[in-house]
PDB file of N, CA and C in Angstrom:
ATOM      1  N   MET A   1      36.795  97.426-149.656  1.00  0.00           N
ATOM      2  CA  MET A   1      38.019  97.257-148.909  1.00  0.00           C
ATOM      3  C   MET A   1      37.666  97.071-147.433  1.00  0.00           C
ATOM      4  N   LYS A   2      38.235  96.060-146.826  1.00  0.00           N
ATOM      5  CA  LYS A   2      37.987  95.794-145.422  1.00  0.00           C
ATOM      6  C   LYS A   2      39.072  96.476-144.584  1.00  0.00           C
ATOM      7  N   ILE A   3      38.636  97.255-143.618  1.00  0.00           N
ATOM      8  CA  ILE A   3      39.573  97.968-142.752  1.00  0.00           C
ATOM      9  C   ILE A   3      39.421  97.437-141.342  1.00  0.00           C
ATOM     10  N   LYS A   4      40.529  97.031-140.752  1.00  0.00           N
ATOM     11  CA  LYS A   4      40.505  96.517-139.386  1.00  0.00           C
ATOM     12  C   LYS A   4      41.467  97.353-138.540  1.00  0.00           C
ATOM     13  N   ILE A   5      40.923  97.979-137.492  1.00  0.00           N
ATOM     14  CA  ILE A   5      41.729  98.847-136.628  1.00  0.00           C
ATOM     15  C   ILE A   5      41.551  98.411-135.180  1.00  0.00           C
ATOM     16  N   ASP A   6      42.630  98.247-134.461  1.00  0.00           N
ATOM     17  CA  ASP A   6      42.576  97.945-133.028  1.00  0.00           C
ATOM     18  C   ASP A   6      42.391  99.271-132.290  1.00  0.00           C
ATOM     19  N   PHE A   7      41.129  99.622-132.044  1.00  0.00           N
ATOM     20  CA  PHE A   7      40.822 100.917-131.448  1.00  0.00           C
ATOM     21  C   PHE A   7      41.424 101.075-130.053  1.00  0.00           C
ATOM     22  N   LEU A   8      41.568  99.982-129.309  1.00  0.00           N
ATOM     23  CA  LEU A   8      42.170 100.090-127.974  1.00  0.00           C
ATOM     24  C   LEU A   8      43.637 100.493-128.056  1.00  0.00           C
ATOM     25  N   LYS A   9      44.336  99.967-129.035  1.00  0.00           N
ATOM     26  CA  LYS A   9      45.762 100.275-129.202  1.00  0.00           C
ATOM     27  C   LYS A   9      45.988 101.744-129.570  1.00  0.00           C
ATOM     28  N   PHE A  10      45.074 102.312-130.360  1.00  0.00           N
ATOM     29  CA  PHE A  10      45.248 103.668-130.862  1.00  0.00           C
ATOM     30  C   PHE A  10      44.321 104.683-130.192  1.00  0.00           C
ATOM     31  N   LYS A  11      43.752 104.323-129.074  1.00  0.00           N
ATOM     32  CA  LYS A  11      42.818 105.177-128.335  1.00  0.00           C
ATOM     33  C   LYS A  11      43.424 106.562-128.060  1.00  0.00           C
ATOM     34  N   GLY A  12      42.711 107.612-128.515  1.00  0.00           N
ATOM     35  CA  GLY A  12      43.170 108.978-128.288  1.00  0.00           C
ATOM     36  C   GLY A  12      44.280 109.438-129.222  1.00  0.00           C
ATOM     37  N   LYS A  13      44.550 108.674-130.279  1.00  0.00           N
ATOM     38  CA  LYS A  13      45.633 109.013-131.213  1.00  0.00           C
ATOM     39  C   LYS A  13      45.053 109.373-132.581  1.00  0.00           C
ATOM     40  N   GLU A  14      45.916 109.924-133.414  1.00  0.00           N
ATOM     41  CA  GLU A  14      45.618 110.181-134.813  1.00  0.00           C
ATOM     42  C   GLU A  14      46.371 109.115-135.605  1.00  0.00           C
ATOM     43  N   ILE A  15      45.702 108.493-136.579  1.00  0.00           N
ATOM     44  CA  ILE A  15      46.361 107.435-137.340  1.00  0.00           C
ATOM     45  C   ILE A  15      46.345 107.758-138.828  1.00  0.00           C
ATOM     46  N   ALA A  16      47.330 107.191-139.532  1.00  0.00           N
ATOM     47  CA  ALA A  16      47.416 107.323-140.983  1.00  0.00           C
ATOM     48  C   ALA A  16      47.212 105.936-141.586  1.00  0.00           C
ATOM     49  N   LEU A  17      46.281 105.841-142.538  1.00  0.00           N
ATOM     50  CA  LEU A  17      45.984 104.586-143.216  1.00  0.00           C
ATOM     51  C   LEU A  17      46.432 104.666-144.668  1.00  0.00           C
ATOM     52  N   VAL A  18      46.977 103.555-145.155  1.00  0.00           N
ATOM     53  CA  VAL A  18      47.298 103.418-146.572  1.00  0.00           C
ATOM     54  C   VAL A  18      46.766 102.053-146.995  1.00  0.00           C
ATOM     55  N   LYS A  19      45.876 102.053-147.980  1.00  0.00           N
ATOM     56  CA  LYS A  19      45.251 100.819-148.466  1.00  0.00           C
ATOM     57  C   LYS A  19      44.598 100.032-147.332  1.00  0.00           C
ATOM     58  N   GLY A  20      43.972 100.738-146.396  1.00  0.00           N
ATOM     59  CA  GLY A  20      43.229 100.097-145.311  1.00  0.00           C
ATOM     60  C   GLY A  20      44.067  99.601-144.150  1.00  0.00           C
ATOM     61  N   LYS A  21      45.366  99.878-144.157  1.00  0.00           N
ATOM     62  CA  LYS A  21      46.243  99.427-143.073  1.00  0.00           C
ATOM     63  C   LYS A  21      46.839 100.625-142.350  1.00  0.00           C
ATOM     64  N   VAL A  22      46.941 100.512-141.027  1.00  0.00           N
ATOM     65  CA  VAL A  22      47.555 101.571-140.226  1.00  0.00           C
ATOM     66  C   VAL A  22      49.061 101.538-140.482  1.00  0.00           C
ATOM     67  N   VAL A  23      49.596 102.659-140.965  1.00  0.00           N
ATOM     68  CA  VAL A  23      51.030 102.720-141.266  1.00  0.00           C
ATOM     69  C   VAL A  23      51.779 103.658-140.318  1.00  0.00           C
ATOM     70  N   ALA A  24      51.039 104.553-139.646  1.00  0.00           N
ATOM     71  CA  ALA A  24      51.676 105.496-138.717  1.00  0.00           C
ATOM     72  C   ALA A  24      50.628 106.060-137.779  1.00  0.00           C
ATOM     73  N   TRP A  25      51.095 106.577-136.638  1.00  0.00           N
ATOM     74  CA  TRP A  25      50.202 107.209-135.677  1.00  0.00           C
ATOM     75  C   TRP A  25      50.974 108.236-134.880  1.00  0.00           C
ATOM     76  N   GLY A  26      50.230 109.119-134.229  1.00  0.00           N
ATOM     77  CA  GLY A  26      50.865 110.157-133.432  1.00  0.00           C
ATOM     78  C   GLY A  26      49.842 110.929-132.621  1.00  0.00           C
ATOM     79  N   LYS A  27      50.308 111.972-131.960  1.00  0.00           N
ATOM     80  CA  LYS A  27      49.437 112.809-131.136  1.00  0.00           C
ATOM     81  C   LYS A  27      48.610 113.769-131.980  1.00  0.00           C
ATOM     82  N   SER A  28      49.069 114.021-133.227  1.00  0.00           N
ATOM     83  CA  SER A  28      48.344 114.927-134.121  1.00  0.00           C
ATOM     84  C   SER A  28      48.290 114.311-135.515  1.00  0.00           C
ATOM     85  N   SER A  29      47.357 114.813-136.320  1.00  0.00           N
ATOM     86  CA  SER A  29      47.248 114.347-137.707  1.00  0.00           C
ATOM     87  C   SER A  29      48.526 114.658-138.469  1.00  0.00           C
ATOM     88  N   LYS A  30      49.093 115.829-138.200  1.00  0.00           N
ATOM     89  CA  LYS A  30      50.329 116.235-138.866  1.00  0.00           C
ATOM     90  C   LYS A  30      51.455 115.245-138.571  1.00  0.00           C
ATOM     91  N   GLU A  31      51.574 114.859-137.310  1.00  0.00           N
ATOM     92  CA  GLU A  31      52.618 113.904-136.911  1.00  0.00           C
ATOM     93  C   GLU A  31      52.410 112.552-137.602  1.00  0.00           C
ATOM     94  N   ALA A  32      51.177 112.056-137.615  1.00  0.00           N
ATOM     95  CA  ALA A  32      50.885 110.774-138.262  1.00  0.00           C
ATOM     96  C   ALA A  32      51.181 110.848-139.758  1.00  0.00           C
ATOM     97  N   PHE A  33      50.786 111.951-140.397  1.00  0.00           N
ATOM     98  CA  PHE A  33      51.028 112.134-141.830  1.00  0.00           C
ATOM     99  C   PHE A  33      52.522 112.165-142.126  1.00  0.00           C
ATOM    100  N   GLU A  34      53.272 112.933-141.356  1.00  0.00           N
ATOM    101  CA  GLU A  34      54.721 113.042-141.586  1.00  0.00           C
ATOM    102  C   GLU A  34      55.427 111.708-141.385  1.00  0.00           C
ATOM    103  N   LYS A  35      54.994 110.921-140.399  1.00  0.00           N
ATOM    104  CA  LYS A  35      55.588 109.601-140.177  1.00  0.00           C
ATOM    105  C   LYS A  35      55.292 108.673-141.356  1.00  0.00           C
ATOM    106  N   ALA A  36      54.065 108.744-141.874  1.00  0.00           N
ATOM    107  CA  ALA A  36      53.703 107.908-143.023  1.00  0.00           C
ATOM    108  C   ALA A  36      54.548 108.290-144.238  1.00  0.00           C
ATOM    109  N   LYS A  37      54.715 109.590-144.494  1.00  0.00           N
ATOM    110  CA  LYS A  37      55.530 110.049-145.624  1.00  0.00           C
ATOM    111  C   LYS A  37      56.998 109.669-145.436  1.00  0.00           C
ATOM    112  N   LYS A  38      57.475 109.715-144.197  1.00  0.00           N
ATOM    113  CA  LYS A  38      58.874 109.355-143.925  1.00  0.00           C
ATOM    114  C   LYS A  38      59.102 107.865-144.195  1.00  0.00           C
ATOM    115  N   GLN A  39      58.113 107.037-143.854  1.00  0.00           N
ATOM    116  CA  GLN A  39      58.211 105.596-144.108  1.00  0.00           C
ATOM    117  C   GLN A  39      58.288 105.299-145.593  1.00  0.00           C
ATOM    118  N   ASP A  40      57.475 106.022-146.363  1.00  0.00           N
ATOM    119  CA  ASP A  40      57.426 105.800-147.806  1.00  0.00           C
ATOM    120  C   ASP A  40      57.291 107.144-148.517  1.00  0.00           C
ATOM    121  N   PRO A  41      58.413 107.793-148.838  1.00  0.00           N
ATOM    122  CA  PRO A  41      58.377 109.117-149.478  1.00  0.00           C
ATOM    123  C   PRO A  41      57.654 109.143-150.821  1.00  0.00           C
ATOM    124  N   ALA A  42      57.505 107.991-151.468  1.00  0.00           N
ATOM    125  CA  ALA A  42      56.833 107.923-152.766  1.00  0.00           C
ATOM    126  C   ALA A  42      55.309 108.041-152.646  1.00  0.00           C
ATOM    127  N   LEU A  43      54.800 107.954-151.421  1.00  0.00           N
ATOM    128  CA  LEU A  43      53.349 108.055-151.225  1.00  0.00           C
ATOM    129  C   LEU A  43      52.827 109.419-151.642  1.00  0.00           C
ATOM    130  N   ASN A  44      51.717 109.396-152.333  1.00  0.00           N
ATOM    131  CA  ASN A  44      51.019 110.615-152.707  1.00  0.00           C
ATOM    132  C   ASN A  44      50.097 110.983-151.544  1.00  0.00           C
ATOM    133  N   SER A  45      49.875 112.246-151.316  1.00  0.00           N
ATOM    134  CA  SER A  45      48.992 112.678-150.229  1.00  0.00           C
ATOM    135  C   SER A  45      47.611 112.060-150.336  1.00  0.00           C
ATOM    136  N   LYS A  46      47.154 111.804-151.562  1.00  0.00           N
ATOM    137  CA  LYS A  46      45.835 111.192-151.783  1.00  0.00           C
ATOM    138  C   LYS A  46      45.787 109.740-151.318  1.00  0.00           C
ATOM    139  N   ASP A  47      46.956 109.107-151.181  1.00  0.00           N
ATOM    140  CA  ASP A  47      47.020 107.702-150.768  1.00  0.00           C
ATOM    141  C   ASP A  47      46.881 107.535-149.255  1.00  0.00           C
ATOM    142  N   ILE A  48      47.010 108.621-148.513  1.00  0.00           N
ATOM    143  CA  ILE A  48      47.006 108.565-147.047  1.00  0.00           C
ATOM    144  C   ILE A  48      45.666 109.076-146.515  1.00  0.00           C
ATOM    145  N   THR A  49      45.016 108.255-145.697  1.00  0.00           N
ATOM    146  CA  THR A  49      43.774 108.646-145.036  1.00  0.00           C
ATOM    147  C   THR A  49      44.081 108.851-143.564  1.00  0.00           C
ATOM    148  N   LEU A  50      43.670 109.990-143.019  1.00  0.00           N
ATOM    149  CA  LEU A  50      43.910 110.293-141.614  1.00  0.00           C
ATOM    150  C   LEU A  50      42.628 110.100-140.822  1.00  0.00           C
ATOM    151  N   LEU A  51      42.740 109.445-139.670  1.00  0.00           N
ATOM    152  CA  LEU A  51      41.599 109.227-138.784  1.00  0.00           C
ATOM    153  C   LEU A  51      41.969 109.603-137.364  1.00  0.00           C
ATOM    154  N   SER A  52      41.013 110.173-136.675  1.00  0.00           N
ATOM    155  CA  SER A  52      41.178 110.485-135.260  1.00  0.00           C
ATOM    156  C   SER A  52      40.441 109.405-134.476  1.00  0.00           C
ATOM    157  N   ILE A  53      41.148 108.713-133.595  1.00  0.00           N
ATOM    158  CA  ILE A  53      40.535 107.655-132.789  1.00  0.00           C
ATOM    159  C   ILE A  53      40.162 108.258-131.431  1.00  0.00           C
ATOM    160  N   PRO A  54      38.879 108.288-131.108  1.00  0.00           N
ATOM    161  CA  PRO A  54      38.450 108.911-129.853  1.00  0.00           C
ATOM    162  C   PRO A  54      38.910 108.128-128.627  1.00  0.00           C
ATOM    163  N   SER A  55      38.999 108.827-127.516  1.00  0.00           N
ATOM    164  CA  SER A  55      39.375 108.190-126.249  1.00  0.00           C
ATOM    165  C   SER A  55      38.218 107.385-125.678  1.00  0.00           C
ATOM    166  N   GLU A  56      37.015 107.782-126.041  1.00  0.00           N
ATOM    167  CA  GLU A  56      35.809 107.108-125.564  1.00  0.00           C
ATOM    168  C   GLU A  56      35.213 106.271-126.681  1.00  0.00           C
ATOM    169  N   ARG A  57      34.277 105.440-126.328  1.00  0.00           N
ATOM    170  CA  ARG A  57      33.591 104.583-127.290  1.00  0.00           C
ATOM    171  C   ARG A  57      32.873 105.426-128.347  1.00  0.00           C
ATOM    172  N   ALA A  58      32.982 105.001-129.600  1.00  0.00           N
ATOM    173  CA  ALA A  58      32.338 105.717-130.695  1.00  0.00           C
ATOM    174  C   ALA A  58      32.016 104.731-131.812  1.00  0.00           C
ATOM    175  N   PHE A  59      31.125 105.129-132.684  1.00  0.00           N
ATOM    176  CA  PHE A  59      30.785 104.325-133.848  1.00  0.00           C
ATOM    177  C   PHE A  59      31.355 105.008-135.085  1.00  0.00           C
ATOM    178  N   VAL A  60      31.886 104.214-135.994  1.00  0.00           N
ATOM    179  CA  VAL A  60      32.433 104.736-137.242  1.00  0.00           C
ATOM    180  C   VAL A  60      31.657 104.094-138.382  1.00  0.00           C
ATOM    181  N   TYR A  61      31.117 104.930-139.266  1.00  0.00           N
ATOM    182  CA  TYR A  61      30.381 104.436-140.415  1.00  0.00           C
ATOM    183  C   TYR A  61      31.099 104.866-141.678  1.00  0.00           C
ATOM    184  N   PHE A  62      31.274 103.928-142.596  1.00  0.00           N
ATOM    185  CA  PHE A  62      31.832 104.231-143.909  1.00  0.00           C
ATOM    186  C   PHE A  62      30.685 104.136-144.904  1.00  0.00           C
ATOM    187  N   ILE A  63      30.437 105.205-145.600  1.00  0.00           N
ATOM    188  CA  ILE A  63      29.343 105.247-146.569  1.00  0.00           C
ATOM    189  C   ILE A  63      29.942 105.346-147.955  1.00  0.00           C
ATOM    190  N   LYS A  64      29.528 104.442-148.822  1.00  0.00           N
ATOM    191  CA  LYS A  64      30.034 104.459-150.204  1.00  0.00           C
ATOM    192  C   LYS A  64      29.173 105.338-151.060  1.00  0.00           C
TER     193      LYS A  64
END
């Protein structure tokens, strides 16, 4: 799965991903999660991936 995130747009935020797409964001993981669930109440918690986007430059590695 290819994931594309505009790190500048979400700098310093917590984001919620569903199927590799950003569906919600907020100041905390809880806020991002609740916004994602509010958008689609049928979502299972396992379907939502939470990421913290640092304010500074960082590298993200996905290991299969």
